Amino acid sequence: MEVKKQFKWFTIFEYEKEQDYLREMHKSGWKFVKVTGLGMYYFEKCLPQDVVYQLDYNKDGRAHKDEYLKMFDDCGWEYIQDYFGYSYFRKVVSDDGIAEEIFCDDESRLQMMQRVLKGRMLPLLIIFFLVLLPQFFISLFDTHNYFIAAFAGGVLTMYIIISAIFFVKYSQYKSGGK
């Protein structure tokens, strides 16, 4: 079987773009097999088909994996893998062209974003306040460690930007927009 690897980077709040990417790959004859590392996607050659891919972030679901997967299987979703907290599923688009989604309303999407916030952003926030922020201020006053100050400042800036983007996306879901 012919296999294809592609590097693609999606942030934690771009899961919808990732779903769309996997769907387009399947439409062009490449079925998603797995993702590894920091964004290496593996595909197998297949007949082009319209298949919906959905991601769910649910640590409780992974804790009760059998029931969690059975619930999706009962609804016709094929489980693919878990990766960095997300579970990957796919389902063929029905003959009437309706592409089903795991989240049928904005409230369930918002709940997933809240799970991502608690599972991903909260630990980063703790690391930020306990490690990065103190290191940044210590290195600012140490005239011999300009590299450490610059590095800590860069990481601090990236963290602030990522947090701001996440909270904007979260606010959009909370207010009912996408």
Foldseek 3Di string as FASTA:
>chain_A
DDKDKDFDADDPLCQVVVQVVQQVCLQVFWHWQDADDRGITMTDGGHRARKGKAKFQDPVCVVVVVVSVVVCVVVAWDWRDDDPRITMTMHGQDPVRDHDYPDPFLVVVLVRLVSCCVPPVVVVVVCCVPPLVVQLVVQVPVVVPPVSNVVSVVVVVVNVVVVVVSVVSSVCSVVRHD
